[in-house]
Amino acid sequence: MKLILTHENADFDAVASMLGASKLYPDATPILPNTSNRAVQEFLMLYKNALPFIQHKDFQLGRNKIEQVILTDTQTYQSVKGIKQQTPTLIIDHHPLERELEAHETWDGDEIGSASTLVIEQIQNQKIAITSLEATLLALGIYADTGMLSYSSTTSRDVSAVAWLLKQGAVLTTIRRFLTLPLTDNQQTLFDKLLKSATHRRIHGHSVTVASTEADEYIEGISSVTQRLRDIWDSSAIFTLVAMPQKTQLVCRSRVDDIDVSAVAELFGGGG
């Protein structure tokens, strides 16, 4: 048995690249992480019957042996029963590789705007057909991770991938709908608190914003709140830290190549 996995708190690029990997490796099972952001949850709830994903809680290994793991948009596992330390692992990621690979790991990544672009290029090369819904989800992956093709990390490869997806029937109205969900009441309250707490610094010529606060209950979609804050300030990078009961969440976003926020997140046990 082969599994396709991604990081927790999955965004559209994580889930879309899993879908793309399932087209490249049809004998592999894409297992959703325990958590994903609100927009992803709503998309999957609406279209789940037309997509190949299996919920983490519903995965049954049975007597099967996990022969390979295909990891997208991250370089670390989610916990799944049956994965051994030396299970062969293929990593498809658009973040920089900043550690030495283990003997059982294979790298198939590149530093571009999104992991979805990496799998789309292979789908194109292999002339694999995709549906309009699949094209829409893959386009959501690229648009979400590139700020609708506006971030400095965006490459011509990402733009070309989106153009190809539009030819395959990607629906722009659906993309716009799920990229512009309004904040919930709890998210709006959090937004206001972070806005007031923010501090701005100049570090090596770059503007860096840090905002932190506490919440009395768990709040989903902190990444969406961080994105809204990022839209307000013209910061090179933004870091939001929210302390909640039994959990503290750090969200990092960067506009420039000089600031590798994934390396910062990794220091605190995160990534993706």
C-alpha atoms as a PDB file:
ATOM      1  CA  MET A   1       0.000   0.000   0.000  1.00  0.00           C
ATOM      2  CA  LYS A   2       1.166   3.528  -0.833  1.00  0.00           C
ATOM      3  CA  LEU A   3       0.029   6.625   1.038  1.00  0.00           C
ATOM      4  CA  ILE A   4      -0.050  10.305   0.076  1.00  0.00           C
ATOM      5  CA  LEU A   5       0.294  12.652   3.054  1.00  0.00           C
ATOM      6  CA  THR A   6       0.755  16.350   3.779  1.00  0.00           C
ATOM      7  CA  HIS A   7       1.140  18.633   6.793  1.00  0.00           C
ATOM      8  CA  GLU A   8      -1.383  19.400   9.531  1.00  0.00           C
ATOM      9  CA  ASN A   9      -3.483  22.585   9.266  1.00  0.00           C
ATOM     10  CA  ALA A  10      -3.583  21.866   5.553  1.00  0.00           C
ATOM     11  CA  ASP A  11      -4.088  24.763   3.176  1.00  0.00           C
ATOM     12  CA  PHE A  12      -5.228  24.562  -0.433  1.00  0.00           C
ATOM     13  CA  ASP A  13      -1.720  23.951  -1.785  1.00  0.00           C
ATOM     14  CA  ALA A  14      -1.268  21.008   0.571  1.00  0.00           C
ATOM     15  CA  VAL A  15      -4.546  19.357  -0.384  1.00  0.00           C
ATOM     16  CA  ALA A  16      -4.298  20.224  -4.074  1.00  0.00           C
ATOM     17  CA  SER A  17      -0.782  18.793  -4.361  1.00  0.00           C
ATOM     18  CA  MET A  18      -2.065  15.610  -2.706  1.00  0.00           C
ATOM     19  CA  LEU A  19      -4.739  15.414  -5.380  1.00  0.00           C
ATOM     20  CA  GLY A  20      -2.135  15.931  -8.093  1.00  0.00           C
ATOM     21  CA  ALA A  21       0.050  13.214  -6.592  1.00  0.00           C
ATOM     22  CA  SER A  22      -2.918  10.837  -6.640  1.00  0.00           C
ATOM     23  CA  LYS A  23      -3.216  11.428 -10.396  1.00  0.00           C
ATOM     24  CA  LEU A  24       0.482  10.604 -10.827  1.00  0.00           C
ATOM     25  CA  TYR A  25       0.329   7.599  -8.488  1.00  0.00           C
ATOM     26  CA  PRO A  26      -3.189   6.156  -8.878  1.00  0.00           C
ATOM     27  CA  ASP A  27      -2.306   3.173  -6.692  1.00  0.00           C
ATOM     28  CA  ALA A  28      -1.624   5.485  -3.724  1.00  0.00           C
ATOM     29  CA  THR A  29      -4.233   6.560  -1.157  1.00  0.00           C
ATOM     30  CA  PRO A  30      -4.388  10.288  -0.240  1.00  0.00           C
ATOM     31  CA  ILE A  31      -5.134  10.639   3.480  1.00  0.00           C
ATOM     32  CA  LEU A  32      -6.220  14.023   4.759  1.00  0.00           C
ATOM     33  CA  PRO A  33      -4.520  15.340   7.910  1.00  0.00           C
ATOM     34  CA  ASN A  34      -6.454  15.744  11.132  1.00  0.00           C
ATOM     35  CA  THR A  35      -6.765  19.476  10.636  1.00  0.00           C
ATOM     36  CA  SER A  36      -7.161  21.849   7.694  1.00  0.00           C
ATOM     37  CA  ASN A  37      -8.116  25.472   7.345  1.00  0.00           C
ATOM     38  CA  ARG A  38     -11.739  26.578   7.178  1.00  0.00           C
ATOM     39  CA  ALA A  39     -11.865  27.266   3.439  1.00  0.00           C
ATOM     40  CA  VAL A  40     -10.383  23.838   2.680  1.00  0.00           C
ATOM     41  CA  GLN A  41     -12.898  22.182   5.000  1.00  0.00           C
ATOM     42  CA  GLU A  42     -15.805  23.891   3.253  1.00  0.00           C
ATOM     43  CA  PHE A  43     -14.489  22.982  -0.203  1.00  0.00           C
ATOM     44  CA  LEU A  44     -14.007  19.326   0.758  1.00  0.00           C
ATOM     45  CA  MET A  45     -17.419  19.147   2.406  1.00  0.00           C
ATOM     46  CA  LEU A  46     -19.048  20.370  -0.790  1.00  0.00           C
ATOM     47  CA  TYR A  47     -17.093  18.233  -3.258  1.00  0.00           C
ATOM     48  CA  LYS A  48     -15.960  15.248  -1.160  1.00  0.00           C
ATOM     49  CA  ASN A  49     -17.884  12.658  -3.192  1.00  0.00           C
ATOM     50  CA  ALA A  50     -16.011  13.624  -6.360  1.00  0.00           C
ATOM     51  CA  LEU A  51     -12.552  13.592  -4.788  1.00  0.00           C
ATOM     52  CA  PRO A  52     -10.346  10.631  -3.769  1.00  0.00           C
ATOM     53  CA  PHE A  53      -9.418  11.742  -0.243  1.00  0.00           C
ATOM     54  CA  ILE A  54      -9.846   9.608   2.853  1.00  0.00           C
ATOM     55  CA  GLN A  55     -10.262  11.176   6.270  1.00  0.00           C
ATOM     56  CA  HIS A  56      -7.466  10.381   8.696  1.00  0.00           C
ATOM     57  CA  LYS A  57      -9.942   8.919  11.197  1.00  0.00           C
ATOM     58  CA  ASP A  58     -11.427   6.618   8.551  1.00  0.00           C
ATOM     59  CA  PHE A  59      -8.141   5.111   7.360  1.00  0.00           C
ATOM     60  CA  GLN A  60      -7.876   1.385   7.997  1.00  0.00           C
ATOM     61  CA  LEU A  61      -4.539  -0.285   7.376  1.00  0.00           C
ATOM     62  CA  GLY A  62      -5.843  -3.826   7.875  1.00  0.00           C
ATOM     63  CA  ARG A  63      -3.270  -6.405   6.876  1.00  0.00           C
ATOM     64  CA  ASN A  64      -1.685  -4.153   4.309  1.00  0.00           C
ATOM     65  CA  LYS A  65       1.924  -3.061   4.565  1.00  0.00           C
ATOM     66  CA  ILE A  66       2.839   0.529   3.797  1.00  0.00           C
ATOM     67  CA  GLU A  67       5.376   0.259   0.997  1.00  0.00           C
ATOM     68  CA  GLN A  68       5.864   3.947   0.248  1.00  0.00           C
ATOM     69  CA  VAL A  69       4.880   7.401   1.475  1.00  0.00           C
ATOM     70  CA  ILE A  70       4.488  10.313  -0.941  1.00  0.00           C
ATOM     71  CA  LEU A  71       4.749  13.562   0.975  1.00  0.00           C
ATOM     72  CA  THR A  72       3.553  16.839  -0.570  1.00  0.00           C
ATOM     73  CA  ASP A  73       4.042  20.486   0.455  1.00  0.00           C
ATOM     74  CA  THR A  74       6.080  19.515   3.519  1.00  0.00           C
ATOM     75  CA  GLN A  75       9.086  17.502   4.589  1.00  0.00           C
ATOM     76  CA  THR A  76       7.717  15.947   7.775  1.00  0.00           C
ATOM     77  CA  TYR A  77       5.084  13.247   8.413  1.00  0.00           C
ATOM     78  CA  GLN A  78       1.751  13.367  10.025  1.00  0.00           C
ATOM     79  CA  SER A  79       1.334  10.378  12.320  1.00  0.00           C
ATOM     80  CA  VAL A  80      -0.217   7.400  10.530  1.00  0.00           C
ATOM     81  CA  LYS A  81      -0.283   3.873  11.874  1.00  0.00           C
ATOM     82  CA  GLY A  82       1.898   1.476   9.917  1.00  0.00           C
ATOM     83  CA  ILE A  83       4.609   3.900   8.807  1.00  0.00           C
ATOM     84  CA  LYS A  84       8.014   2.677   9.907  1.00  0.00           C
ATOM     85  CA  GLN A  85      11.101   4.805  10.283  1.00  0.00           C
ATOM     86  CA  GLN A  86      12.661   3.427   7.101  1.00  0.00           C
ATOM     87  CA  THR A  87       9.531   3.435   4.923  1.00  0.00           C
ATOM     88  CA  PRO A  88      10.567   4.702   1.440  1.00  0.00           C
ATOM     89  CA  THR A  89       9.440   8.315   1.145  1.00  0.00           C
ATOM     90  CA  LEU A  90       9.133  10.575  -1.892  1.00  0.00           C
ATOM     91  CA  ILE A  91       9.073  14.282  -0.975  1.00  0.00           C
ATOM     92  CA  ILE A  92       7.374  16.700  -3.382  1.00  0.00           C
ATOM     93  CA  ASP A  93       7.836  20.170  -1.935  1.00  0.00           C
ATOM     94  CA  HIS A  94       8.395  23.748  -3.081  1.00  0.00           C
ATOM     95  CA  HIS A  95      10.135  24.856   0.106  1.00  0.00           C
ATOM     96  CA  PRO A  96      13.949  24.814   0.326  1.00  0.00           C
ATOM     97  CA  LEU A  97      15.480  21.516   1.417  1.00  0.00           C
ATOM     98  CA  GLU A  98      17.486  22.481   4.481  1.00  0.00           C
ATOM     99  CA  ARG A  99      18.503  19.106   5.861  1.00  0.00           C
ATOM    100  CA  GLU A 100      20.256  16.026   4.594  1.00  0.00           C
ATOM    101  CA  LEU A 101      17.920  13.366   3.265  1.00  0.00           C
ATOM    102  CA  GLU A 102      17.773  10.038   5.017  1.00  0.00           C
ATOM    103  CA  ALA A 103      18.686   6.891   3.082  1.00  0.00           C
ATOM    104  CA  HIS A 104      14.997   6.018   2.586  1.00  0.00           C
ATOM    105  CA  GLU A 105      14.020   9.500   1.311  1.00  0.00           C
ATOM    106  CA  THR A 106      13.911  10.817  -2.263  1.00  0.00           C
ATOM    107  CA  TRP A 107      13.659  14.524  -3.115  1.00  0.00           C
ATOM    108  CA  ASP A 108      11.494  15.654  -6.023  1.00  0.00           C
ATOM    109  CA  GLY A 109      11.097  19.316  -5.186  1.00  0.00           C
ATOM    110  CA  ASP A 110      12.061  22.755  -6.412  1.00  0.00           C
ATOM    111  CA  GLU A 111      11.844  26.305  -5.059  1.00  0.00           C
ATOM    112  CA  ILE A 112       8.811  27.752  -6.828  1.00  0.00           C
ATOM    113  CA  GLY A 113       5.524  29.316  -5.785  1.00  0.00           C
ATOM    114  CA  SER A 114       3.538  26.191  -4.954  1.00  0.00           C
ATOM    115  CA  ALA A 115       3.771  22.436  -4.615  1.00  0.00           C
ATOM    116  CA  SER A 116       0.724  22.144  -6.852  1.00  0.00           C
ATOM    117  CA  THR A 117       2.765  23.484  -9.767  1.00  0.00           C
ATOM    118  CA  LEU A 118       5.292  20.674  -9.335  1.00  0.00           C
ATOM    119  CA  VAL A 119       2.675  17.937  -9.694  1.00  0.00           C
ATOM    120  CA  ILE A 120       0.847  19.775 -12.487  1.00  0.00           C
ATOM    121  CA  GLU A 121       4.019  19.840 -14.575  1.00  0.00           C
ATOM    122  CA  GLN A 122       4.330  16.076 -14.230  1.00  0.00           C
ATOM    123  CA  ILE A 123       0.650  15.604 -15.062  1.00  0.00           C
ATOM    124  CA  GLN A 124       1.195  17.644 -18.217  1.00  0.00           C
ATOM    125  CA  ASN A 125       4.320  15.700 -19.187  1.00  0.00           C
ATOM    126  CA  GLN A 126       2.515  12.394 -18.744  1.00  0.00           C
ATOM    127  CA  LYS A 127      -0.587  13.684 -20.566  1.00  0.00           C
ATOM    128  CA  ILE A 128      -2.879  12.672 -17.710  1.00  0.00           C
ATOM    129  CA  ALA A 129      -6.472  13.872 -18.062  1.00  0.00           C
ATOM    130  CA  ILE A 130      -8.046  15.848 -15.216  1.00  0.00           C
ATOM    131  CA  THR A 131     -11.608  16.985 -14.578  1.00  0.00           C
ATOM    132  CA  SER A 132     -12.816  20.557 -14.253  1.00  0.00           C
ATOM    133  CA  LEU A 133     -13.163  20.096 -10.481  1.00  0.00           C
ATOM    134  CA  GLU A 134      -9.610  18.744 -10.201  1.00  0.00           C
ATOM    135  CA  ALA A 135      -8.330  21.663 -12.269  1.00  0.00           C
ATOM    136  CA  THR A 136     -10.184  24.070  -9.972  1.00  0.00           C
ATOM    137  CA  LEU A 137      -8.682  22.585  -6.801  1.00  0.00           C
ATOM    138  CA  LEU A 138      -5.179  22.585  -8.293  1.00  0.00           C
ATOM    139  CA  ALA A 139      -5.611  26.224  -9.314  1.00  0.00           C
ATOM    140  CA  LEU A 140      -6.774  27.036  -5.782  1.00  0.00           C
ATOM    141  CA  GLY A 141      -3.526  25.504  -4.545  1.00  0.00           C
ATOM    142  CA  ILE A 142      -1.424  27.773  -6.715  1.00  0.00           C
ATOM    143  CA  TYR A 143      -3.469  30.931  -6.153  1.00  0.00           C
ATOM    144  CA  ALA A 144      -3.531  30.431  -2.363  1.00  0.00           C
ATOM    145  CA  ASP A 145       0.224  29.943  -2.006  1.00  0.00           C
ATOM    146  CA  THR A 146       1.226  32.686  -4.442  1.00  0.00           C
ATOM    147  CA  GLY A 147      -1.239  35.352  -3.329  1.00  0.00           C
ATOM    148  CA  MET A 148      -3.053  34.991  -6.646  1.00  0.00           C
ATOM    149  CA  LEU A 149       0.306  35.077  -8.454  1.00  0.00           C
ATOM    150  CA  SER A 150       1.421  38.272  -6.666  1.00  0.00           C
ATOM    151  CA  TYR A 151       4.044  37.044  -4.143  1.00  0.00           C
ATOM    152  CA  SER A 152       7.738  37.385  -4.912  1.00  0.00           C
ATOM    153  CA  SER A 153       8.088  33.602  -4.747  1.00  0.00           C
ATOM    154  CA  THR A 154       5.789  33.263  -7.789  1.00  0.00           C
ATOM    155  CA  THR A 155       7.552  31.981 -10.904  1.00  0.00           C
ATOM    156  CA  SER A 156       6.665  31.799 -14.574  1.00  0.00           C
ATOM    157  CA  ARG A 157       6.136  28.080 -14.018  1.00  0.00           C
ATOM    158  CA  ASP A 158       3.280  28.823 -11.601  1.00  0.00           C
ATOM    159  CA  VAL A 159       1.697  31.203 -14.098  1.00  0.00           C
ATOM    160  CA  SER A 160       2.019  28.648 -16.912  1.00  0.00           C
ATOM    161  CA  ALA A 161       0.455  25.976 -14.709  1.00  0.00           C
ATOM    162  CA  VAL A 162      -2.560  28.200 -13.988  1.00  0.00           C
ATOM    163  CA  ALA A 163      -2.978  28.946 -17.707  1.00  0.00           C
ATOM    164  CA  TRP A 164      -3.013  25.223 -18.442  1.00  0.00           C
ATOM    165  CA  LEU A 165      -5.534  24.577 -15.653  1.00  0.00           C
ATOM    166  CA  LEU A 166      -7.873  27.197 -17.095  1.00  0.00           C
ATOM    167  CA  LYS A 167      -7.742  25.303 -20.381  1.00  0.00           C
ATOM    168  CA  GLN A 168      -8.723  22.158 -18.456  1.00  0.00           C
ATOM    169  CA  GLY A 169     -11.835  23.860 -17.097  1.00  0.00           C
ATOM    170  CA  ALA A 170     -10.779  25.449 -13.799  1.00  0.00           C
ATOM    171  CA  VAL A 171     -13.685  27.619 -12.636  1.00  0.00           C
ATOM    172  CA  LEU A 172     -12.604  31.120 -11.607  1.00  0.00           C
ATOM    173  CA  THR A 173     -15.849  31.950  -9.783  1.00  0.00           C
ATOM    174  CA  THR A 174     -15.335  28.921  -7.515  1.00  0.00           C
ATOM    175  CA  ILE A 175     -11.715  29.891  -6.932  1.00  0.00           C
ATOM    176  CA  ARG A 176     -12.684  33.442  -5.976  1.00  0.00           C
ATOM    177  CA  ARG A 177     -15.423  32.168  -3.662  1.00  0.00           C
ATOM    178  CA  PHE A 178     -13.120  29.973  -1.591  1.00  0.00           C
ATOM    179  CA  LEU A 179     -10.227  32.412  -1.488  1.00  0.00           C
ATOM    180  CA  THR A 180     -12.379  35.243  -0.145  1.00  0.00           C
ATOM    181  CA  LEU A 181     -14.446  33.661   2.640  1.00  0.00           C
ATOM    182  CA  PRO A 182     -15.517  36.273   5.221  1.00  0.00           C
ATOM    183  CA  LEU A 183     -14.033  36.044   8.696  1.00  0.00           C
ATOM    184  CA  THR A 184     -16.125  34.414  11.397  1.00  0.00           C
ATOM    185  CA  ASP A 185     -17.033  36.425  14.500  1.00  0.00           C
ATOM    186  CA  ASN A 186     -14.230  34.756  16.477  1.00  0.00           C
ATOM    187  CA  GLN A 187     -11.752  35.403  13.665  1.00  0.00           C
ATOM    188  CA  GLN A 188     -12.803  39.061  13.458  1.00  0.00           C
ATOM    189  CA  THR A 189     -12.288  39.465  17.208  1.00  0.00           C
ATOM    190  CA  LEU A 190      -8.873  37.853  16.880  1.00  0.00           C
ATOM    191  CA  PHE A 191      -8.057  40.096  13.918  1.00  0.00           C
ATOM    192  CA  ASP A 192      -8.836  43.213  15.985  1.00  0.00           C
ATOM    193  CA  LYS A 193      -6.685  42.018  18.913  1.00  0.00           C
ATOM    194  CA  LEU A 194      -3.729  41.173  16.690  1.00  0.00           C
ATOM    195  CA  LEU A 195      -4.068  44.468  14.860  1.00  0.00           C
ATOM    196  CA  LYS A 196      -3.735  46.362  18.154  1.00  0.00           C
ATOM    197  CA  SER A 197      -0.832  44.252  19.444  1.00  0.00           C
ATOM    198  CA  ALA A 198       1.317  44.421  16.315  1.00  0.00           C
ATOM    199  CA  THR A 199       4.860  45.748  16.433  1.00  0.00           C
ATOM    200  CA  HIS A 200       6.919  46.634  13.374  1.00  0.00           C
ATOM    201  CA  ARG A 201      10.692  46.366  13.094  1.00  0.00           C
ATOM    202  CA  ARG A 202      13.379  46.946  10.469  1.00  0.00           C
ATOM    203  CA  ILE A 203      15.742  43.969  10.301  1.00  0.00           C
ATOM    204  CA  HIS A 204      18.570  43.980   7.752  1.00  0.00           C
ATOM    205  CA  GLY A 205      16.634  46.360   5.560  1.00  0.00           C
ATOM    206  CA  HIS A 206      13.351  44.433   5.738  1.00  0.00           C
ATOM    207  CA  SER A 207      10.149  45.391   7.550  1.00  0.00           C
ATOM    208  CA  VAL A 208       9.007  42.612   9.887  1.00  0.00           C
ATOM    209  CA  THR A 209       5.690  42.591  11.749  1.00  0.00           C
ATOM    210  CA  VAL A 210       5.027  40.535  14.886  1.00  0.00           C
ATOM    211  CA  ALA A 211       1.566  40.291  16.466  1.00  0.00           C
ATOM    212  CA  SER A 212       0.567  38.153  19.436  1.00  0.00           C
ATOM    213  CA  THR A 213      -2.436  37.670  21.669  1.00  0.00           C
ATOM    214  CA  GLU A 214      -4.389  35.140  23.717  1.00  0.00           C
ATOM    215  CA  ALA A 215      -7.762  33.514  23.075  1.00  0.00           C
ATOM    216  CA  ASP A 216     -10.101  31.888  25.584  1.00  0.00           C
ATOM    217  CA  GLU A 217     -11.036  29.127  23.134  1.00  0.00           C
ATOM    218  CA  TYR A 218      -9.600  27.403  20.089  1.00  0.00           C
ATOM    219  CA  ILE A 219      -9.994  29.482  16.910  1.00  0.00           C
ATOM    220  CA  GLU A 220      -9.771  27.908  13.490  1.00  0.00           C
ATOM    221  CA  GLY A 221      -8.315  29.677  10.489  1.00  0.00           C
ATOM    222  CA  ILE A 222      -5.610  31.778  12.129  1.00  0.00           C
ATOM    223  CA  SER A 223      -3.778  31.612   8.806  1.00  0.00           C
ATOM    224  CA  SER A 224      -6.743  33.423   7.183  1.00  0.00           C
ATOM    225  CA  VAL A 225      -6.580  36.121   9.850  1.00  0.00           C
ATOM    226  CA  THR A 226      -2.840  36.458   9.262  1.00  0.00           C
ATOM    227  CA  GLN A 227      -3.459  36.835   5.542  1.00  0.00           C
ATOM    228  CA  ARG A 228      -5.899  39.689   6.154  1.00  0.00           C
ATOM    229  CA  LEU A 229      -3.318  41.418   8.367  1.00  0.00           C
ATOM    230  CA  ARG A 230      -0.699  40.911   5.697  1.00  0.00           C
ATOM    231  CA  ASP A 231      -2.976  42.644   3.193  1.00  0.00           C
ATOM    232  CA  ILE A 232      -3.068  45.724   5.455  1.00  0.00           C
ATOM    233  CA  TRP A 233       0.659  46.114   6.058  1.00  0.00           C
ATOM    234  CA  ASP A 234       3.357  46.206   3.423  1.00  0.00           C
ATOM    235  CA  SER A 235       5.671  44.088   5.577  1.00  0.00           C
ATOM    236  CA  SER A 236       8.361  41.837   4.169  1.00  0.00           C
ATOM    237  CA  ALA A 237       7.281  39.191   6.690  1.00  0.00           C
ATOM    238  CA  ILE A 238       4.610  38.785   9.321  1.00  0.00           C
ATOM    239  CA  PHE A 239       4.481  36.482  12.340  1.00  0.00           C
ATOM    240  CA  THR A 240       1.309  35.949  14.381  1.00  0.00           C
ATOM    241  CA  LEU A 241       1.341  34.060  17.653  1.00  0.00           C
ATOM    242  CA  VAL A 242      -1.916  33.059  19.352  1.00  0.00           C
ATOM    243  CA  ALA A 243      -2.005  31.321  22.734  1.00  0.00           C
ATOM    244  CA  MET A 244      -5.143  29.190  23.123  1.00  0.00           C
ATOM    245  CA  PRO A 245      -6.171  26.609  25.718  1.00  0.00           C
ATOM    246  CA  GLN A 246      -3.857  23.594  25.352  1.00  0.00           C
ATOM    247  CA  LYS A 247      -2.335  24.980  22.140  1.00  0.00           C
ATOM    248  CA  THR A 248      -0.264  27.884  20.875  1.00  0.00           C
ATOM    249  CA  GLN A 249      -0.192  28.495  17.139  1.00  0.00           C
ATOM    250  CA  LEU A 250       2.428  30.394  15.164  1.00  0.00           C
ATOM    251  CA  VAL A 251       1.685  31.505  11.596  1.00  0.00           C
ATOM    252  CA  CYS A 252       4.478  32.953   9.438  1.00  0.00           C
ATOM    253  CA  ARG A 253       4.210  34.604   6.030  1.00  0.00           C
ATOM    254  CA  SER A 254       6.881  36.245   3.867  1.00  0.00           C
ATOM    255  CA  ARG A 255       6.785  38.381   0.734  1.00  0.00           C
ATOM    256  CA  VAL A 256      10.519  38.176  -0.026  1.00  0.00           C
ATOM    257  CA  ASP A 257      13.000  35.399  -0.764  1.00  0.00           C
ATOM    258  CA  ASP A 258      15.482  36.791   1.781  1.00  0.00           C
ATOM    259  CA  ILE A 259      13.239  35.767   4.695  1.00  0.00           C
ATOM    260  CA  ASP A 260      12.647  32.019   4.885  1.00  0.00           C
ATOM    261  CA  VAL A 261       9.732  31.790   7.301  1.00  0.00           C
ATOM    262  CA  SER A 262       9.592  27.997   6.978  1.00  0.00           C
ATOM    263  CA  ALA A 263      13.012  27.871   8.669  1.00  0.00           C
ATOM    264  CA  VAL A 264      11.646  30.008  11.506  1.00  0.00           C
ATOM    265  CA  ALA A 265       8.587  27.758  11.847  1.00  0.00           C
ATOM    266  CA  GLU A 266      10.824  24.696  11.883  1.00  0.00           C
ATOM    267  CA  LEU A 267      12.609  26.032  14.975  1.00  0.00           C
ATOM    268  CA  PHE A 268       9.276  25.748  16.774  1.00  0.00           C
ATOM    269  CA  GLY A 269       8.402  22.320  15.403  1.00  0.00           C
ATOM    270  CA  GLY A 270       6.366  23.528  12.443  1.00  0.00           C
ATOM    271  CA  GLY A 271       6.741  23.771   8.690  1.00  0.00           C
ATOM    272  CA  GLY A 272       4.665  23.508   5.561  1.00  0.00           C
END
